[in-house]
Amino acid sequence: MKIGDMVSVSMRYDHNKHVYYDRIGIIVDTWTNHKNKLQTLDVLLENGEIKNVGTWAIEVISESYRP
């Protein structure tokens, strides 16, 4: 996973924490720990908001190409 990849984000409804839904977004920033392990991602969602999301909730749809 890298900046520019299109991803599907699995999120929960606020009123029902047991129901998940998917949203489409683009990775705009990545966050790692002191061992350089990927921890969370900032994702620009289709409605224009940027969410900080854990890697467990991300599925890559389309990888960006950077030569």
N, C-alpha and C. Protein backbone atom coordinates (compact mmCIF):
# COMPACT_ATOMS: atom_id res chain seq x y z
N MET A 1 0.84 -1.17 0.00
CA MET A 1 0.00 0.00 0.00
C MET A 1 0.88 1.23 0.00
N LYS A 2 0.57 2.16 -0.90
CA LYS A 2 1.34 3.39 -0.99
C LYS A 2 0.42 4.55 -1.37
N ILE A 3 0.95 5.75 -1.28
CA ILE A 3 0.18 6.95 -1.60
C ILE A 3 -0.27 6.89 -3.06
N GLY A 4 -1.54 7.17 -3.29
CA GLY A 4 -2.10 7.17 -4.63
C GLY A 4 -2.89 5.92 -4.97
N ASP A 5 -2.79 4.87 -4.16
CA ASP A 5 -3.56 3.65 -4.40
C ASP A 5 -5.04 3.89 -4.13
N MET A 6 -5.90 3.30 -4.97
CA MET A 6 -7.34 3.34 -4.73
C MET A 6 -7.69 2.15 -3.84
N VAL A 7 -8.43 2.42 -2.78
CA VAL A 7 -8.72 1.39 -1.78
C VAL A 7 -10.21 1.34 -1.44
N SER A 8 -10.60 0.21 -0.91
CA SER A 8 -11.93 0.04 -0.32
C SER A 8 -11.73 0.05 1.19
N VAL A 9 -12.49 0.88 1.89
CA VAL A 9 -12.36 1.03 3.33
C VAL A 9 -13.60 0.44 4.00
N SER A 10 -13.39 -0.51 4.90
CA SER A 10 -14.49 -1.11 5.65
C SER A 10 -14.71 -0.27 6.90
N MET A 11 -15.90 0.35 7.01
CA MET A 11 -16.20 1.24 8.13
C MET A 11 -17.47 0.78 8.83
N ARG A 12 -17.66 1.23 10.06
CA ARG A 12 -18.87 0.91 10.84
C ARG A 12 -19.83 2.08 10.84
N TYR A 13 -21.12 1.75 10.94
CA TYR A 13 -22.12 2.78 11.14
C TYR A 13 -22.01 3.31 12.56
N ASP A 14 -22.25 4.59 12.76
CA ASP A 14 -22.17 5.19 14.10
C ASP A 14 -23.28 4.67 15.01
N HIS A 15 -24.47 4.46 14.46
CA HIS A 15 -25.59 4.05 15.28
C HIS A 15 -25.65 2.53 15.52
N ASN A 16 -24.93 1.74 14.70
CA ASN A 16 -24.92 0.29 14.88
C ASN A 16 -23.50 -0.21 14.66
N LYS A 17 -22.77 -0.43 15.72
CA LYS A 17 -21.35 -0.78 15.65
C LYS A 17 -21.09 -2.18 15.09
N HIS A 18 -22.15 -2.99 14.88
CA HIS A 18 -21.98 -4.35 14.38
C HIS A 18 -22.15 -4.46 12.87
N VAL A 19 -22.53 -3.36 12.21
CA VAL A 19 -22.77 -3.39 10.77
C VAL A 19 -21.66 -2.61 10.06
N TYR A 20 -21.00 -3.26 9.11
CA TYR A 20 -19.92 -2.64 8.34
C TYR A 20 -20.41 -2.28 6.95
N TYR A 21 -19.82 -1.26 6.36
CA TYR A 21 -20.08 -0.90 4.97
C TYR A 21 -18.77 -0.46 4.34
N ASP A 22 -18.69 -0.58 3.02
CA ASP A 22 -17.46 -0.24 2.31
C ASP A 22 -17.58 1.12 1.64
N ARG A 23 -16.46 1.86 1.66
CA ARG A 23 -16.36 3.14 0.96
C ARG A 23 -15.10 3.12 0.14
N ILE A 24 -15.10 3.88 -0.95
CA ILE A 24 -13.97 3.94 -1.86
C ILE A 24 -13.18 5.21 -1.57
N GLY A 25 -11.85 5.11 -1.63
CA GLY A 25 -11.01 6.28 -1.39
C GLY A 25 -9.63 6.12 -1.97
N ILE A 26 -8.82 7.17 -1.82
CA ILE A 26 -7.44 7.18 -2.30
C ILE A 26 -6.53 7.50 -1.12
N ILE A 27 -5.43 6.75 -0.99
CA ILE A 27 -4.47 6.97 0.09
C ILE A 27 -3.73 8.28 -0.15
N VAL A 28 -3.74 9.19 0.84
CA VAL A 28 -3.05 10.46 0.71
C VAL A 28 -1.83 10.56 1.63
N ASP A 29 -1.74 9.71 2.66
CA ASP A 29 -0.59 9.71 3.55
C ASP A 29 -0.52 8.38 4.29
N THR A 30 0.69 7.98 4.68
CA THR A 30 0.89 6.75 5.43
C THR A 30 1.63 7.07 6.73
N TRP A 31 1.36 6.28 7.76
CA TRP A 31 1.98 6.47 9.06
C TRP A 31 2.61 5.15 9.50
N THR A 32 3.87 5.21 9.93
CA THR A 32 4.59 4.02 10.36
C THR A 32 5.05 4.17 11.80
N ASN A 33 5.43 3.04 12.41
CA ASN A 33 5.97 3.11 13.76
C ASN A 33 7.48 3.21 13.71
N HIS A 34 8.15 3.11 14.85
CA HIS A 34 9.60 3.27 14.92
C HIS A 34 10.35 2.15 14.21
N LYS A 35 9.68 1.04 13.93
CA LYS A 35 10.31 -0.06 13.19
C LYS A 35 9.95 0.00 11.70
N ASN A 36 9.39 1.12 11.26
CA ASN A 36 9.00 1.37 9.87
C ASN A 36 7.90 0.42 9.40
N LYS A 37 7.08 -0.06 10.33
CA LYS A 37 5.94 -0.91 10.00
C LYS A 37 4.72 -0.03 9.80
N LEU A 38 3.99 -0.27 8.72
CA LEU A 38 2.81 0.52 8.41
C LEU A 38 1.75 0.36 9.49
N GLN A 39 1.26 1.47 10.04
CA GLN A 39 0.28 1.45 11.13
C GLN A 39 -1.10 1.93 10.68
N THR A 40 -1.17 3.15 10.15
CA THR A 40 -2.44 3.72 9.71
C THR A 40 -2.24 4.48 8.41
N LEU A 41 -3.37 4.79 7.76
CA LEU A 41 -3.36 5.50 6.49
C LEU A 41 -4.37 6.64 6.54
N ASP A 42 -4.03 7.75 5.91
CA ASP A 42 -5.01 8.82 5.70
C ASP A 42 -5.62 8.59 4.33
N VAL A 43 -6.96 8.46 4.29
CA VAL A 43 -7.65 8.13 3.06
C VAL A 43 -8.65 9.24 2.72
N LEU A 44 -8.58 9.74 1.47
CA LEU A 44 -9.54 10.71 0.96
C LEU A 44 -10.73 9.92 0.42
N LEU A 45 -11.89 10.06 1.09
CA LEU A 45 -13.08 9.32 0.70
C LEU A 45 -13.85 10.03 -0.40
N GLU A 46 -14.82 9.33 -1.00
CA GLU A 46 -15.56 9.89 -2.14
C GLU A 46 -16.40 11.11 -1.76
N ASN A 47 -16.72 11.27 -0.49
CA ASN A 47 -17.51 12.44 -0.07
C ASN A 47 -16.63 13.64 0.28
N GLY A 48 -15.31 13.52 0.14
CA GLY A 48 -14.40 14.65 0.34
C GLY A 48 -13.73 14.71 1.69
N GLU A 49 -14.10 13.85 2.63
CA GLU A 49 -13.47 13.90 3.94
C GLU A 49 -12.25 12.97 3.98
N ILE A 50 -11.28 13.35 4.81
CA ILE A 50 -10.07 12.54 4.99
C ILE A 50 -10.18 11.84 6.33
N LYS A 51 -10.04 10.50 6.31
CA LYS A 51 -10.14 9.69 7.52
C LYS A 51 -8.81 8.99 7.77
N ASN A 52 -8.45 8.86 9.05
CA ASN A 52 -7.29 8.08 9.45
C ASN A 52 -7.79 6.68 9.75
N VAL A 53 -7.30 5.69 8.97
CA VAL A 53 -7.85 4.34 9.00
C VAL A 53 -6.73 3.34 9.28
N GLY A 54 -7.03 2.33 10.10
CA GLY A 54 -6.08 1.26 10.36
C GLY A 54 -5.93 0.36 9.15
N THR A 55 -4.78 -0.28 9.05
CA THR A 55 -4.50 -1.12 7.88
C THR A 55 -5.42 -2.34 7.80
N TRP A 56 -5.97 -2.78 8.91
CA TRP A 56 -6.87 -3.95 8.91
C TRP A 56 -8.15 -3.68 8.13
N ALA A 57 -8.52 -2.41 7.96
CA ALA A 57 -9.79 -2.05 7.33
C ALA A 57 -9.64 -1.69 5.85
N ILE A 58 -8.45 -1.91 5.28
CA ILE A 58 -8.16 -1.47 3.91
C ILE A 58 -7.99 -2.67 2.98
N GLU A 59 -8.55 -2.54 1.77
CA GLU A 59 -8.30 -3.51 0.71
C GLU A 59 -7.95 -2.72 -0.56
N VAL A 60 -6.80 -3.00 -1.17
CA VAL A 60 -6.36 -2.27 -2.34
C VAL A 60 -7.18 -2.71 -3.54
N ILE A 61 -7.75 -1.72 -4.27
CA ILE A 61 -8.51 -1.98 -5.48
C ILE A 61 -7.62 -1.82 -6.70
N SER A 62 -6.89 -0.71 -6.74
CA SER A 62 -6.05 -0.40 -7.89
C SER A 62 -4.77 0.29 -7.40
N GLU A 63 -3.63 -0.25 -7.80
CA GLU A 63 -2.36 0.33 -7.39
C GLU A 63 -1.98 1.46 -8.34
N SER A 64 -1.40 2.53 -7.79
CA SER A 64 -0.92 3.63 -8.62
C SER A 64 0.41 3.24 -9.23
N TYR A 65 0.70 3.78 -10.41
CA TYR A 65 1.94 3.48 -11.10
C TYR A 65 2.88 4.66 -10.96
N ARG A 66 4.05 4.40 -10.40
CA ARG A 66 5.09 5.42 -10.32
C ARG A 66 6.39 4.82 -10.80
N PRO A 67 6.93 5.32 -11.92
CA PRO A 67 8.18 4.74 -12.45
C PRO A 67 9.37 4.98 -11.56
